Amino acid sequence: MPTRTTSRRRGTVVVALLATAALVLTGCSDDAGAGPTAAWSDSWVTAQQAAVDIWSPNWSTSGFSDHTVRQVVRPTLGGDEVRIKFSNLFGERPLRITAATIAEPGDGAAVRADTVRPLLFDGTASTEIAVGAETTTDPVGFTVTALRPVTVTIYLAEETGPATFHQIANATSYRASGDHAADPAATAFTETSSSWYYLADLEVDTAGAEGSVVTFGDSITDGAEATTDADNRYPDVLATRLAAEGSARAVLNTGISGNRVLIDSDYTGASAKTRFQRDVLDRDGASTVILLEGINDIGASELDEPWVQPNPEISADQLIAGYRELIALARVDGLRVVGATLTPYKAAPYFSERGEAVRDTVNAWIRSSGEFDAVIDFERALAAPDDPDAIAPAFDSGDHLHPSPAGYATMAQVIALADL
């Protein structure tokens, strides 16, 4: 499938074409030894959140001061050059990164010494990122192989304040006191976290890459209850399937646990409607989005906890209207939109018969409306044979809402690759 070009990238392409035409007309050549302009595509991303401390301890609310943070991610598209995007979208003060490196991981927090490369910002080792902004490093020669982990390390010498982060990483991040950005050893990294901090995007140069698949949703896309450091969320398994088929397509996970289609939250992120532009439409090289979200809109009204406030009752008509807005936005930007049915949740903490009726109505619309380019029936793939409102025990993580690793694998396996 051809790579979709966003409006932002169309402008870049036009500038490049005009520059090339000018060189031809004047008889000039490009800079000596310079190759063609790289075509950058996202290989790994995560959705950004404001600092919050719910569900499990993390470092976001206290931030960092004279700390080195080492984080491991799994790219889904290969290339010989790489750029990293860092985010201060939700910071309260400018973020200064004193030093940053990229390397191949070793055991635990260690990295392979011969692979450590500095990451530069306009040719310098440090940068300052304004509040509400993001910045991308200079390109660096570093071979990225699809599905092979990469380690990114940053040294934060100055006090950061609350950190922009992604809470449910299902990956171990490491922290050390002092500057250990280029230190290959694990010894200094005595603290761990299961979140990612400031790390937003890994891009690779990808001439000839196919359009990427953005998986957009809540905790079931994010991978709640998946195995830490095992890369067994449903988007991970989908990426493995595509790679096995020889497809050069990235799979980009933009799930946020607790997220809702219609309601913004200080705890679980901006709503799908609010963040769709940033987390889907602005992804370089994206051509397809899988939309799986809405169960938290349905269930939140049954809870009386701070993280779900505000939590009005949401009707099927309201949720369908929200889906239609997302579909329209994707269509304008040229994306293929794949709808996914909402998975069973009987016996989950916020289950109700009212909510189940909403879920049934929404799922019937997803299957039959014809408003999606394709449909993935995750509900039927995970449902118990004797009770379609419940997750099958073999696929239940134990909370009756989130799939187990076997459930996530089943979700990925029922996706028809030709529909993406």
Foldseek 3Di string as FASTA:
>chain_A
DAFFAFPVRVVVVVVLVVVVVVCVVVVHDDPPPDDDDFQKAFFEFEAKAFFDQPPHDDCQQQFDAQKKKKFKDAGLFKAQKKKFKFDQQRFPFKFKWQWKWKFAPDPDRAGDLVGIDTWAAVNHGMDIAGHNGMGMTDIDGHIHDHRGMMMMMTGGNHGGHGFIWAAQQLEKMFMFHHDCNSPRDPVRGPDIHRIGTRTGTMMHRDVPAAAAEEEEEECLLSPPQEHRPPQLRLLSLLSVVCVVVVHNYHYYGHYWHLEALPDAWNQTHGHCLVCVCVRPLPGRRHAEYEYAYHLSLQQLVQDDDRRSPPHDHDALVNVVVSVVSSLVVCVVSNHAYEYEQHAAQPQAPRDDPRSLVSSVVNRVCNVPVPSHLYYQYLQVQQADPVGSNFGHPVQPSPNRHHGHSVSSNSSNVRDDPVSD
